[in-house]
N, C-alpha and C. Protein backbone atom coordinates (compact mmCIF):
# COMPACT_ATOMS: atom_id res chain seq x y z
N UNK A 1 39.84 152.72 88.28
CA UNK A 1 39.00 153.22 87.22
C UNK A 1 38.16 152.07 86.69
N UNK A 2 36.88 152.23 86.53
CA UNK A 2 36.02 151.15 86.07
C UNK A 2 36.42 150.66 84.69
N UNK A 3 36.14 149.38 84.43
CA UNK A 3 36.41 148.83 83.11
C UNK A 3 35.64 149.61 82.06
N UNK A 4 36.22 149.69 80.87
CA UNK A 4 35.55 150.41 79.79
C UNK A 4 35.82 151.91 79.80
N UNK A 5 36.64 152.38 80.70
CA UNK A 5 36.94 153.81 80.77
C UNK A 5 38.31 154.12 80.17
N UNK A 6 38.84 153.21 79.33
CA UNK A 6 40.15 153.41 78.73
C UNK A 6 40.23 154.68 77.92
N UNK A 7 39.09 155.17 77.42
CA UNK A 7 39.12 156.38 76.61
C UNK A 7 39.56 157.59 77.44
N UNK A 8 39.49 157.48 78.80
CA UNK A 8 39.95 158.57 79.65
C UNK A 8 41.46 158.76 79.55
N UNK A 9 42.18 157.71 79.25
CA UNK A 9 43.65 157.76 79.16
C UNK A 9 44.11 157.06 77.89
N UNK A 10 43.87 157.63 76.72
CA UNK A 10 44.24 156.95 75.48
C UNK A 10 45.74 156.71 75.34
N UNK A 11 46.56 157.47 76.05
CA UNK A 11 48.01 157.27 75.95
C UNK A 11 48.45 156.01 76.68
N UNK A 12 47.54 155.37 77.41
CA UNK A 12 47.88 154.17 78.16
C UNK A 12 47.34 152.90 77.52
N UNK A 13 46.62 153.02 76.42
CA UNK A 13 45.94 151.87 75.82
C UNK A 13 46.88 150.75 75.41
N UNK A 14 48.11 151.07 75.06
CA UNK A 14 49.05 150.04 74.59
C UNK A 14 49.66 149.24 75.74
N UNK A 15 49.40 149.63 76.98
CA UNK A 15 49.98 148.96 78.14
C UNK A 15 49.13 147.78 78.60
N UNK A 16 49.77 146.87 79.33
CA UNK A 16 49.03 145.78 79.97
C UNK A 16 48.17 146.36 81.08
N UNK A 17 47.19 145.57 81.51
CA UNK A 17 46.27 146.02 82.55
C UNK A 17 47.00 146.47 83.82
N UNK A 18 48.02 145.72 84.23
CA UNK A 18 48.74 146.04 85.46
C UNK A 18 49.45 147.38 85.40
N UNK A 19 50.11 147.66 84.29
CA UNK A 19 50.81 148.94 84.15
C UNK A 19 49.81 150.09 84.08
N UNK A 20 48.72 149.88 83.32
CA UNK A 20 47.69 150.93 83.26
C UNK A 20 47.13 151.22 84.64
N UNK A 21 46.84 150.17 85.39
CA UNK A 21 46.26 150.34 86.73
C UNK A 21 47.24 151.06 87.66
N UNK A 22 48.51 150.71 87.58
CA UNK A 22 49.51 151.35 88.45
C UNK A 22 49.62 152.84 88.15
N UNK A 23 49.65 153.19 86.88
CA UNK A 23 49.77 154.60 86.51
C UNK A 23 48.50 155.36 86.91
N UNK A 24 47.36 154.77 86.67
CA UNK A 24 46.10 155.43 87.05
C UNK A 24 46.03 155.65 88.56
N UNK A 25 46.42 154.65 89.33
CA UNK A 25 46.42 154.79 90.78
C UNK A 25 47.38 155.88 91.22
N UNK A 26 48.56 155.90 90.62
CA UNK A 26 49.55 156.92 90.97
C UNK A 26 49.02 158.32 90.62
N UNK A 27 48.32 158.44 89.50
CA UNK A 27 47.72 159.73 89.13
C UNK A 27 46.68 160.16 90.15
N UNK A 28 45.81 159.22 90.54
CA UNK A 28 44.76 159.54 91.52
C UNK A 28 45.33 159.91 92.88
N UNK A 29 46.39 159.22 93.28
CA UNK A 29 46.96 159.44 94.62
C UNK A 29 47.97 160.59 94.65
N UNK A 30 48.33 161.11 93.50
CA UNK A 30 49.32 162.19 93.46
C UNK A 30 50.72 161.70 93.80
N UNK A 31 51.02 160.46 93.47
CA UNK A 31 52.33 159.88 93.75
C UNK A 31 53.41 160.59 92.94
N UNK A 32 54.61 160.52 93.45
CA UNK A 32 55.75 161.08 92.73
C UNK A 32 56.65 160.00 92.14
N UNK A 33 56.69 158.84 92.80
CA UNK A 33 57.55 157.74 92.38
C UNK A 33 56.72 156.51 92.12
N UNK A 34 57.04 155.81 91.05
CA UNK A 34 56.30 154.63 90.66
C UNK A 34 57.28 153.47 90.50
N UNK A 35 56.93 152.32 91.04
CA UNK A 35 57.72 151.10 90.89
C UNK A 35 57.18 150.35 89.70
N UNK A 36 58.02 150.18 88.67
CA UNK A 36 57.57 149.51 87.45
C UNK A 36 58.79 149.00 86.70
N UNK A 37 58.70 147.78 86.18
CA UNK A 37 59.80 147.19 85.43
C UNK A 37 59.54 147.13 83.92
N UNK A 38 58.29 147.10 83.51
CA UNK A 38 57.96 146.99 82.10
C UNK A 38 58.40 148.25 81.35
N UNK A 39 59.18 148.07 80.31
CA UNK A 39 59.77 149.20 79.57
C UNK A 39 58.72 150.16 79.02
N UNK A 40 57.67 149.62 78.40
CA UNK A 40 56.62 150.49 77.86
C UNK A 40 55.92 151.24 78.99
N UNK A 41 55.69 150.56 80.09
CA UNK A 41 55.06 151.19 81.25
C UNK A 41 55.93 152.28 81.84
N UNK A 42 57.22 152.02 81.93
CA UNK A 42 58.16 153.03 82.44
C UNK A 42 58.12 154.28 81.56
N UNK A 43 58.17 154.08 80.26
CA UNK A 43 58.15 155.23 79.34
C UNK A 43 56.85 156.02 79.47
N UNK A 44 55.72 155.31 79.57
CA UNK A 44 54.44 155.99 79.71
C UNK A 44 54.37 156.75 81.03
N UNK A 45 54.85 156.15 82.11
CA UNK A 45 54.84 156.80 83.41
C UNK A 45 55.72 158.05 83.41
N UNK A 46 56.87 157.97 82.78
CA UNK A 46 57.75 159.14 82.70
C UNK A 46 57.11 160.26 81.88
N UNK A 47 56.39 159.89 80.81
CA UNK A 47 55.69 160.91 80.02
C UNK A 47 54.61 161.60 80.85
N UNK A 48 54.09 160.90 81.84
CA UNK A 48 53.09 161.47 82.75
C UNK A 48 53.75 162.27 83.87
N UNK A 49 55.08 162.29 83.91
CA UNK A 49 55.79 163.11 84.88
C UNK A 49 56.25 162.38 86.14
N UNK A 50 56.14 161.06 86.16
CA UNK A 50 56.56 160.31 87.33
C UNK A 50 58.04 159.98 87.29
N UNK A 51 58.65 159.97 88.45
CA UNK A 51 59.95 159.33 88.60
C UNK A 51 59.64 157.84 88.69
N UNK A 52 60.47 157.01 88.09
CA UNK A 52 60.20 155.57 88.05
C UNK A 52 61.45 154.83 88.49
N UNK A 53 61.26 153.81 89.29
CA UNK A 53 62.33 152.89 89.62
C UNK A 53 61.79 151.49 89.45
N UNK A 54 62.69 150.56 89.29
CA UNK A 54 62.29 149.17 89.12
C UNK A 54 62.69 148.33 90.32
N UNK A 55 62.50 147.06 90.17
CA UNK A 55 62.82 146.12 91.24
C UNK A 55 64.29 146.25 91.65
N UNK A 56 65.18 146.32 90.68
CA UNK A 56 66.60 146.42 91.02
C UNK A 56 66.93 147.74 91.70
N UNK A 57 66.25 148.79 91.33
CA UNK A 57 66.45 150.07 92.00
C UNK A 57 66.05 150.02 93.46
N UNK A 58 64.96 149.32 93.75
CA UNK A 58 64.51 149.15 95.14
C UNK A 58 65.52 148.31 95.91
N UNK A 59 66.00 147.22 95.30
CA UNK A 59 67.00 146.39 95.97
C UNK A 59 68.29 147.15 96.22
N UNK A 60 68.70 147.97 95.26
CA UNK A 60 69.90 148.79 95.41
C UNK A 60 69.74 149.75 96.59
N UNK A 61 68.62 150.42 96.66
CA UNK A 61 68.35 151.36 97.76
C UNK A 61 68.33 150.62 99.10
N UNK A 62 67.65 149.48 99.15
CA UNK A 62 67.58 148.72 100.40
C UNK A 62 68.96 148.24 100.83
N UNK A 63 69.78 147.82 99.89
CA UNK A 63 71.14 147.38 100.22
C UNK A 63 71.98 148.55 100.72
N UNK A 64 71.83 149.70 100.07
CA UNK A 64 72.57 150.89 100.51
C UNK A 64 72.22 151.27 101.94
N UNK A 65 70.98 151.04 102.32
CA UNK A 65 70.53 151.38 103.67
C UNK A 65 70.75 150.26 104.68
N UNK A 66 71.33 149.16 104.22
CA UNK A 66 71.61 148.05 105.10
C UNK A 66 70.37 147.26 105.50
N UNK A 67 69.32 147.35 104.70
CA UNK A 67 68.06 146.67 105.03
C UNK A 67 68.01 145.23 104.52
N UNK A 68 68.83 144.93 103.53
CA UNK A 68 68.85 143.58 102.97
C UNK A 68 70.28 143.15 102.69
N UNK A 69 70.45 141.85 102.54
CA UNK A 69 71.70 141.31 102.01
C UNK A 69 71.47 141.11 100.52
N UNK A 70 72.10 141.92 99.73
CA UNK A 70 71.82 141.96 98.30
C UNK A 70 72.04 140.61 97.63
N UNK A 71 73.13 139.91 97.97
CA UNK A 71 73.38 138.61 97.35
C UNK A 71 72.21 137.66 97.58
N UNK A 72 71.69 137.63 98.80
CA UNK A 72 70.55 136.76 99.10
C UNK A 72 69.32 137.17 98.31
N UNK A 73 69.08 138.47 98.24
CA UNK A 73 67.90 138.96 97.51
C UNK A 73 68.00 138.64 96.02
N UNK A 74 69.18 138.80 95.45
CA UNK A 74 69.37 138.50 94.02
C UNK A 74 69.22 137.00 93.78
N UNK A 75 69.74 136.18 94.68
CA UNK A 75 69.57 134.73 94.53
C UNK A 75 68.09 134.36 94.52
N UNK A 76 67.32 134.96 95.42
CA UNK A 76 65.88 134.68 95.45
C UNK A 76 65.20 135.22 94.18
N UNK A 77 65.61 136.38 93.73
CA UNK A 77 65.03 136.98 92.53
C UNK A 77 65.27 136.10 91.31
N UNK A 78 66.43 135.50 91.24
CA UNK A 78 66.76 134.62 90.10
C UNK A 78 65.84 133.40 90.04
N UNK A 79 65.20 133.06 91.13
CA UNK A 79 64.30 131.91 91.18
C UNK A 79 62.85 132.30 90.92
N UNK A 80 62.64 133.47 90.38
CA UNK A 80 61.31 133.94 90.04
C UNK A 80 61.21 134.15 88.53
N UNK A 81 60.12 134.71 88.08
CA UNK A 81 59.95 135.00 86.65
C UNK A 81 60.57 136.34 86.25
N UNK A 82 61.22 137.03 87.20
CA UNK A 82 61.86 138.31 86.90
C UNK A 82 62.96 138.09 85.86
N UNK A 83 63.02 139.00 84.88
CA UNK A 83 64.04 138.89 83.83
C UNK A 83 64.80 140.20 83.71
N UNK A 84 66.08 140.08 83.55
CA UNK A 84 66.93 141.22 83.17
C UNK A 84 68.23 140.65 82.62
N UNK A 85 68.99 141.50 82.00
CA UNK A 85 70.27 141.05 81.45
C UNK A 85 71.21 140.67 82.59
N UNK A 86 71.92 139.57 82.46
CA UNK A 86 72.84 139.14 83.52
C UNK A 86 73.88 140.19 83.87
N UNK A 87 74.34 140.97 82.89
CA UNK A 87 75.36 141.98 83.19
C UNK A 87 74.82 143.10 84.08
N UNK A 88 73.52 143.33 84.03
CA UNK A 88 72.91 144.34 84.91
C UNK A 88 72.96 143.86 86.35
N UNK A 89 72.60 142.59 86.57
CA UNK A 89 72.68 142.02 87.91
C UNK A 89 74.13 141.98 88.40
N UNK A 90 75.04 141.60 87.51
CA UNK A 90 76.45 141.54 87.89
C UNK A 90 76.97 142.92 88.31
N UNK A 91 76.58 143.97 87.58
CA UNK A 91 77.01 145.32 87.92
C UNK A 91 76.45 145.76 89.27
N UNK A 92 75.20 145.43 89.54
CA UNK A 92 74.60 145.77 90.82
C UNK A 92 75.33 145.06 91.95
N UNK A 93 75.58 143.78 91.79
CA UNK A 93 76.30 143.03 92.82
C UNK A 93 77.71 143.56 93.02
N UNK A 94 78.38 143.94 91.92
CA UNK A 94 79.74 144.47 92.01
C UNK A 94 79.78 145.78 92.80
N UNK A 95 78.75 146.62 92.62
CA UNK A 95 78.72 147.89 93.36
C UNK A 95 78.59 147.66 94.86
N UNK A 96 78.05 146.53 95.25
CA UNK A 96 77.82 146.27 96.66
C UNK A 96 78.79 145.24 97.25
N UNK A 97 79.76 144.80 96.45
CA UNK A 97 80.71 143.83 96.97
C UNK A 97 81.73 144.57 97.84
N UNK A 98 82.25 143.90 98.85
CA UNK A 98 83.24 144.55 99.71
C UNK A 98 84.45 144.99 98.89
N UNK A 99 84.91 146.17 99.13
CA UNK A 99 86.06 146.72 98.41
C UNK A 99 87.34 146.18 99.03
N UNK A 100 88.28 145.82 98.17
CA UNK A 100 89.57 145.35 98.66
C UNK A 100 90.40 146.54 99.12
N UNK A 101 91.07 146.36 100.21
CA UNK A 101 91.96 147.40 100.72
C UNK A 101 93.24 147.42 99.90
N UNK A 102 93.74 148.58 99.58
CA UNK A 102 94.99 148.69 98.83
C UNK A 102 96.17 148.70 99.75
């Protein structure tokens, strides 16, 4: 959407440029799922009817499908600007840790 057309989507004005652009693109393309981590962006996307997942949701899905080694991916993620509560990462890792046999 060209700059200066924010009035077309007044419900998105409070979002950063990246979140606004992602939602607008998803609207134009008729997407059903949107990848977004920003809380305000997630809420706005859900109000628009999108299913939303974040970075950790994608990593969880990839690990479930055997596409990645989750521990390695989380280690690399920790070396970026990505932020989340440590207990969220711990819970994700725990779900994918090998189960002890009884």
